[in-house]
């Protein structure tokens, strides 16, 4: 459990610091350190946290059951995963109307992913992992809701890309990848 907690703490402290740091030119640490040095340290700490978090999660499986998830929890999770993946691709694909309207589609996708997984998993390790992602995404959404984002002209191609890629990855996860990566089949 120590590796899961340490990795989760390191991963999210790094991400929260990056999300909440000052962007004022005179106080921005990224500007003072230089972009490459800052991103190198950020990637090192976040990557180490991620590895410890994933490894620690696997080490404590099976974990103590905190609550018994509802029978419908897995079905809700499956329903939430498609829009979560579409939002993820909307965040990093071509600029479309989804990204323009939502501003932070990746964070909203994380909310859907983590909330859904909390409905389907009642073990302590799952509560730590998915609860941390949900708390992080909610905090950053609240804090950055008024932060200005780059104004670009959206295109429908970005939305089409997000929907196609999200649906494709959803299909692969449901049929093969979740069991291969996590060890738990979705289709039972």
C-alpha atoms as a PDB file:
ATOM      1  CA  UNK A   1       0.000   0.000   0.000  1.00  0.00           C
ATOM      2  CA  UNK A   2       2.973   2.313   0.635  1.00  0.00           C
ATOM      3  CA  UNK A   3       4.017   2.344  -3.024  1.00  0.00           C
ATOM      4  CA  UNK A   4       0.466   3.107  -4.159  1.00  0.00           C
ATOM      5  CA  UNK A   5       0.129   5.978  -1.696  1.00  0.00           C
ATOM      6  CA  UNK A   6       3.639   7.350  -2.352  1.00  0.00           C
ATOM      7  CA  UNK A   7       3.188   7.142  -6.126  1.00  0.00           C
ATOM      8  CA  UNK A   8      -0.257   8.727  -5.988  1.00  0.00           C
ATOM      9  CA  UNK A   9       1.034  11.548  -3.784  1.00  0.00           C
ATOM     10  CA  UNK A  10       4.069  12.213  -6.006  1.00  0.00           C
ATOM     11  CA  UNK A  11       2.020  12.075  -9.220  1.00  0.00           C
ATOM     12  CA  UNK A  12      -0.696  14.419  -8.007  1.00  0.00           C
ATOM     13  CA  UNK A  13       1.519  16.839  -6.087  1.00  0.00           C
ATOM     14  CA  UNK A  14       3.491  17.296  -9.303  1.00  0.00           C
ATOM     15  CA  UNK A  15       0.335  17.791 -11.350  1.00  0.00           C
ATOM     16  CA  UNK A  16      -1.335  20.074  -8.815  1.00  0.00           C
ATOM     17  CA  UNK A  17       1.767  22.223  -8.565  1.00  0.00           C
ATOM     18  CA  UNK A  18       1.881  22.541 -12.341  1.00  0.00           C
ATOM     19  CA  UNK A  19      -1.822  23.397 -12.507  1.00  0.00           C
ATOM     20  CA  UNK A  20      -1.754  25.907  -9.670  1.00  0.00           C
ATOM     21  CA  UNK A  21       1.641  27.574 -10.211  1.00  0.00           C
ATOM     22  CA  UNK A  22       1.774  31.245 -11.008  1.00  0.00           C
ATOM     23  CA  UNK A  23       1.734  32.128 -14.694  1.00  0.00           C
ATOM     24  CA  UNK A  24       2.837  35.721 -14.030  1.00  0.00           C
ATOM     25  CA  UNK A  25       6.051  36.311 -15.997  1.00  0.00           C
ATOM     26  CA  UNK A  26       7.964  37.507 -12.936  1.00  0.00           C
ATOM     27  CA  UNK A  27       6.877  34.525 -10.786  1.00  0.00           C
ATOM     28  CA  UNK A  28       6.580  31.675 -13.297  1.00  0.00           C
ATOM     29  CA  UNK A  29       9.106  29.008 -12.291  1.00  0.00           C
ATOM     30  CA  UNK A  30       8.921  27.440 -15.743  1.00  0.00           C
ATOM     31  CA  UNK A  31      10.108  30.677 -17.283  1.00  0.00           C
ATOM     32  CA  UNK A  32      12.868  31.146 -14.711  1.00  0.00           C
ATOM     33  CA  UNK A  33      14.143  27.555 -14.973  1.00  0.00           C
ATOM     34  CA  UNK A  34      13.718  27.306 -18.701  1.00  0.00           C
ATOM     35  CA  UNK A  35      11.081  25.236 -20.410  1.00  0.00           C
ATOM     36  CA  UNK A  36      13.233  22.148 -21.040  1.00  0.00           C
ATOM     37  CA  UNK A  37      14.637  21.934 -17.502  1.00  0.00           C
ATOM     38  CA  UNK A  38      11.201  22.467 -15.947  1.00  0.00           C
ATOM     39  CA  UNK A  39       9.562  19.866 -18.191  1.00  0.00           C
ATOM     40  CA  UNK A  40      12.408  17.429 -17.553  1.00  0.00           C
ATOM     41  CA  UNK A  41      11.978  17.648 -13.780  1.00  0.00           C
ATOM     42  CA  UNK A  42       8.197  17.622 -14.092  1.00  0.00           C
ATOM     43  CA  UNK A  43       8.327  14.514 -16.290  1.00  0.00           C
ATOM     44  CA  UNK A  44      10.771  12.778 -13.953  1.00  0.00           C
ATOM     45  CA  UNK A  45       8.639  13.315 -10.843  1.00  0.00           C
ATOM     46  CA  UNK A  46       5.290  12.673 -12.552  1.00  0.00           C
ATOM     47  CA  UNK A  47       6.667   9.590 -14.338  1.00  0.00           C
ATOM     48  CA  UNK A  48       8.157   8.164 -11.145  1.00  0.00           C
ATOM     49  CA  UNK A  49       4.872   8.812  -9.352  1.00  0.00           C
ATOM     50  CA  UNK A  50       2.918   7.105 -12.127  1.00  0.00           C
ATOM     51  CA  UNK A  51       5.175   4.029 -12.108  1.00  0.00           C
ATOM     52  CA  UNK A  52       4.971   3.749  -8.308  1.00  0.00           C
ATOM     53  CA  UNK A  53       1.198   4.257  -8.411  1.00  0.00           C
ATOM     54  CA  UNK A  54       0.593   1.564 -11.040  1.00  0.00           C
ATOM     55  CA  UNK A  55       3.064  -0.853  -9.453  1.00  0.00           C
ATOM     56  CA  UNK A  56       1.672  -0.206  -5.978  1.00  0.00           C
ATOM     57  CA  UNK A  57      -1.890  -0.723  -7.203  1.00  0.00           C
ATOM     58  CA  UNK A  58      -0.912  -4.099  -8.611  1.00  0.00           C
ATOM     59  CA  UNK A  59       0.965  -5.112  -5.464  1.00  0.00           C
ATOM     60  CA  UNK A  60      -2.063  -4.681  -3.215  1.00  0.00           C
ATOM     61  CA  UNK A  61      -4.495  -6.613  -5.418  1.00  0.00           C
ATOM     62  CA  UNK A  62      -6.730  -8.009  -4.129  1.00  0.00           C
ATOM     63  CA  UNK A  63      -7.312  -5.303  -1.558  1.00  0.00           C
ATOM     64  CA  UNK A  64      -9.632  -4.965   1.419  1.00  0.00           C
ATOM     65  CA  UNK A  65     -13.240  -4.414   0.404  1.00  0.00           C
ATOM     66  CA  UNK A  66     -14.513  -1.078   1.738  1.00  0.00           C
ATOM     67  CA  UNK A  67     -17.970  -1.356   0.191  1.00  0.00           C
ATOM     68  CA  UNK A  68     -19.790  -3.700  -2.124  1.00  0.00           C
ATOM     69  CA  UNK A  69     -20.331  -1.929  -5.442  1.00  0.00           C
ATOM     70  CA  UNK A  70     -23.884  -1.910  -6.767  1.00  0.00           C
ATOM     71  CA  UNK A  71     -24.705  -4.507  -9.390  1.00  0.00           C
ATOM     72  CA  UNK A  72     -25.386  -1.770 -11.930  1.00  0.00           C
ATOM     73  CA  UNK A  73     -22.062  -0.025 -11.234  1.00  0.00           C
ATOM     74  CA  UNK A  74     -20.186  -1.857 -13.984  1.00  0.00           C
ATOM     75  CA  UNK A  75     -22.867  -0.999 -16.543  1.00  0.00           C
ATOM     76  CA  UNK A  76     -22.718   2.696 -15.641  1.00  0.00           C
ATOM     77  CA  UNK A  77     -18.931   2.557 -15.884  1.00  0.00           C
ATOM     78  CA  UNK A  78     -19.141   1.096 -19.373  1.00  0.00           C
ATOM     79  CA  UNK A  79     -21.615   3.812 -20.369  1.00  0.00           C
ATOM     80  CA  UNK A  80     -19.357   6.567 -18.998  1.00  0.00           C
ATOM     81  CA  UNK A  81     -16.184   5.272 -20.636  1.00  0.00           C
ATOM     82  CA  UNK A  82     -17.215   6.085 -24.207  1.00  0.00           C
ATOM     83  CA  UNK A  83     -17.744   9.809 -23.563  1.00  0.00           C
ATOM     84  CA  UNK A  84     -14.646   9.833 -21.301  1.00  0.00           C
ATOM     85  CA  UNK A  85     -12.488   8.560 -24.160  1.00  0.00           C
ATOM     86  CA  UNK A  86     -14.096  10.930 -26.663  1.00  0.00           C
ATOM     87  CA  UNK A  87     -13.286  13.812 -24.308  1.00  0.00           C
ATOM     88  CA  UNK A  88      -9.690  12.627 -23.995  1.00  0.00           C
ATOM     89  CA  UNK A  89      -9.254  12.650 -27.768  1.00  0.00           C
ATOM     90  CA  UNK A  90     -11.068  16.004 -27.996  1.00  0.00           C
ATOM     91  CA  UNK A  91      -8.444  17.429 -25.640  1.00  0.00           C
ATOM     92  CA  UNK A  92      -5.438  16.304 -27.657  1.00  0.00           C
ATOM     93  CA  UNK A  93      -6.760  16.065 -31.189  1.00  0.00           C
ATOM     94  CA  UNK A  94      -7.472  18.850 -33.663  1.00  0.00           C
ATOM     95  CA  UNK A  95      -9.307  21.825 -32.164  1.00  0.00           C
ATOM     96  CA  UNK A  96     -13.031  21.230 -32.407  1.00  0.00           C
ATOM     97  CA  UNK A  97     -16.300  22.472 -30.970  1.00  0.00           C
ATOM     98  CA  UNK A  98     -16.137  19.994 -28.060  1.00  0.00           C
ATOM     99  CA  UNK A  99     -12.868  21.493 -26.849  1.00  0.00           C
ATOM    100  CA  UNK A 100     -14.065  25.046 -27.457  1.00  0.00           C
ATOM    101  CA  UNK A 101     -17.257  24.517 -25.465  1.00  0.00           C
ATOM    102  CA  UNK A 102     -15.801  22.498 -22.583  1.00  0.00           C
ATOM    103  CA  UNK A 103     -12.343  24.187 -22.356  1.00  0.00           C
ATOM    104  CA  UNK A 104     -10.856  21.248 -20.410  1.00  0.00           C
ATOM    105  CA  UNK A 105     -12.274  18.067 -21.947  1.00  0.00           C
ATOM    106  CA  UNK A 106      -9.479  15.865 -20.596  1.00  0.00           C
ATOM    107  CA  UNK A 107     -10.317  16.795 -17.006  1.00  0.00           C
ATOM    108  CA  UNK A 108     -14.004  16.114 -17.636  1.00  0.00           C
ATOM    109  CA  UNK A 109     -13.033  12.764 -19.156  1.00  0.00           C
ATOM    110  CA  UNK A 110     -11.021  11.953 -16.024  1.00  0.00           C
ATOM    111  CA  UNK A 111     -14.056  12.809 -13.886  1.00  0.00           C
ATOM    112  CA  UNK A 112     -16.214  10.378 -15.882  1.00  0.00           C
ATOM    113  CA  UNK A 113     -13.523   7.647 -15.890  1.00  0.00           C
ATOM    114  CA  UNK A 114     -12.749   7.867 -12.187  1.00  0.00           C
ATOM    115  CA  UNK A 115     -16.367   8.258 -11.061  1.00  0.00           C
ATOM    116  CA  UNK A 116     -17.399   5.273 -13.144  1.00  0.00           C
ATOM    117  CA  UNK A 117     -14.596   3.146 -11.770  1.00  0.00           C
ATOM    118  CA  UNK A 118     -15.519   4.120  -8.217  1.00  0.00           C
ATOM    119  CA  UNK A 119     -19.026   2.809  -8.916  1.00  0.00           C
ATOM    120  CA  UNK A 120     -17.634  -0.532 -10.088  1.00  0.00           C
ATOM    121  CA  UNK A 121     -14.836  -1.078  -7.547  1.00  0.00           C
ATOM    122  CA  UNK A 122     -15.178  -1.071  -3.773  1.00  0.00           C
ATOM    123  CA  UNK A 123     -11.650  -2.114  -2.799  1.00  0.00           C
ATOM    124  CA  UNK A 124      -9.379   0.191  -0.803  1.00  0.00           C
ATOM    125  CA  UNK A 125      -6.733   0.374  -3.532  1.00  0.00           C
ATOM    126  CA  UNK A 126      -9.405   1.391  -6.068  1.00  0.00           C
ATOM    127  CA  UNK A 127     -10.765   4.072  -3.744  1.00  0.00           C
ATOM    128  CA  UNK A 128      -7.266   5.525  -3.359  1.00  0.00           C
ATOM    129  CA  UNK A 129      -6.468   5.407  -7.077  1.00  0.00           C
ATOM    130  CA  UNK A 130      -9.760   6.466  -8.638  1.00  0.00           C
ATOM    131  CA  UNK A 131     -10.697   8.784  -5.761  1.00  0.00           C
ATOM    132  CA  UNK A 132      -7.391  10.629  -6.198  1.00  0.00           C
ATOM    133  CA  UNK A 133      -7.981  11.102  -9.911  1.00  0.00           C
ATOM    134  CA  UNK A 134     -11.532  12.329  -9.260  1.00  0.00           C
ATOM    135  CA  UNK A 135     -10.411  14.774  -6.566  1.00  0.00           C
ATOM    136  CA  UNK A 136      -7.537  16.069  -8.718  1.00  0.00           C
ATOM    137  CA  UNK A 137      -9.722  16.637 -11.778  1.00  0.00           C
ATOM    138  CA  UNK A 138     -12.447  18.330  -9.741  1.00  0.00           C
ATOM    139  CA  UNK A 139      -9.959  20.642  -7.996  1.00  0.00           C
ATOM    140  CA  UNK A 140      -8.239  21.654 -11.229  1.00  0.00           C
ATOM    141  CA  UNK A 141     -11.564  22.189 -13.020  1.00  0.00           C
ATOM    142  CA  UNK A 142     -12.698  24.519 -10.240  1.00  0.00           C
ATOM    143  CA  UNK A 143      -9.414  26.407 -10.012  1.00  0.00           C
ATOM    144  CA  UNK A 144      -8.949  26.826 -13.766  1.00  0.00           C
ATOM    145  CA  UNK A 145     -12.575  27.525 -14.727  1.00  0.00           C
ATOM    146  CA  UNK A 146     -11.811  31.192 -15.344  1.00  0.00           C
ATOM    147  CA  UNK A 147      -8.362  30.693 -16.856  1.00  0.00           C
ATOM    148  CA  UNK A 148      -8.262  31.931 -20.404  1.00  0.00           C
ATOM    149  CA  UNK A 149      -7.632  29.402 -23.128  1.00  0.00           C
ATOM    150  CA  UNK A 150      -6.312  30.091 -26.586  1.00  0.00           C
ATOM    151  CA  UNK A 151      -9.041  31.287 -28.910  1.00  0.00           C
ATOM    152  CA  UNK A 152      -8.917  29.450 -32.194  1.00  0.00           C
ATOM    153  CA  UNK A 153     -11.430  28.744 -34.877  1.00  0.00           C
ATOM    154  CA  UNK A 154     -12.873  25.280 -34.170  1.00  0.00           C
ATOM    155  CA  UNK A 155     -13.514  22.760 -36.881  1.00  0.00           C
ATOM    156  CA  UNK A 156     -15.867  19.826 -37.113  1.00  0.00           C
ATOM    157  CA  UNK A 157     -12.900  17.636 -38.115  1.00  0.00           C
ATOM    158  CA  UNK A 158     -11.625  17.780 -34.526  1.00  0.00           C
ATOM    159  CA  UNK A 159     -14.936  16.499 -33.201  1.00  0.00           C
ATOM    160  CA  UNK A 160     -15.158  13.753 -35.828  1.00  0.00           C
ATOM    161  CA  UNK A 161     -11.611  12.693 -34.949  1.00  0.00           C
ATOM    162  CA  UNK A 162     -12.473  12.626 -31.214  1.00  0.00           C
ATOM    163  CA  UNK A 163     -15.601  10.542 -31.719  1.00  0.00           C
ATOM    164  CA  UNK A 164     -13.974   8.038 -34.093  1.00  0.00           C
ATOM    165  CA  UNK A 165     -10.809   7.612 -32.021  1.00  0.00           C
ATOM    166  CA  UNK A 166     -12.723   7.502 -28.728  1.00  0.00           C
ATOM    167  CA  UNK A 167     -15.075   4.843 -30.087  1.00  0.00           C
ATOM    168  CA  UNK A 168     -12.198   2.830 -31.545  1.00  0.00           C
ATOM    169  CA  UNK A 169     -10.197   2.851 -28.306  1.00  0.00           C
ATOM    170  CA  UNK A 170     -13.374   2.068 -26.350  1.00  0.00           C
ATOM    171  CA  UNK A 171     -13.993  -0.981 -28.526  1.00  0.00           C
ATOM    172  CA  UNK A 172     -10.394  -2.191 -28.145  1.00  0.00           C
ATOM    173  CA  UNK A 173     -10.495  -1.693 -24.369  1.00  0.00           C
ATOM    174  CA  UNK A 174     -13.814  -3.487 -23.972  1.00  0.00           C
ATOM    175  CA  UNK A 175     -12.843  -6.446 -26.110  1.00  0.00           C
ATOM    176  CA  UNK A 176      -9.141  -6.945 -25.331  1.00  0.00           C
ATOM    177  CA  UNK A 177      -6.993  -4.205 -23.852  1.00  0.00           C
ATOM    178  CA  UNK A 178      -8.517  -3.837 -20.368  1.00  0.00           C
ATOM    179  CA  UNK A 179      -7.943  -7.512 -19.599  1.00  0.00           C
ATOM    180  CA  UNK A 180      -4.469  -7.438 -21.135  1.00  0.00           C
ATOM    181  CA  UNK A 181      -3.384  -4.316 -19.241  1.00  0.00           C
ATOM    182  CA  UNK A 182      -5.307  -4.626 -15.973  1.00  0.00           C
ATOM    183  CA  UNK A 183      -5.944  -8.357 -15.769  1.00  0.00           C
ATOM    184  CA  UNK A 184      -9.685  -7.908 -15.401  1.00  0.00           C
ATOM    185  CA  UNK A 185     -11.987  -8.730 -18.303  1.00  0.00           C
ATOM    186  CA  UNK A 186     -14.812  -6.297 -18.935  1.00  0.00           C
ATOM    187  CA  UNK A 187     -16.984  -8.705 -20.866  1.00  0.00           C
ATOM    188  CA  UNK A 188     -17.731 -11.555 -18.480  1.00  0.00           C
END
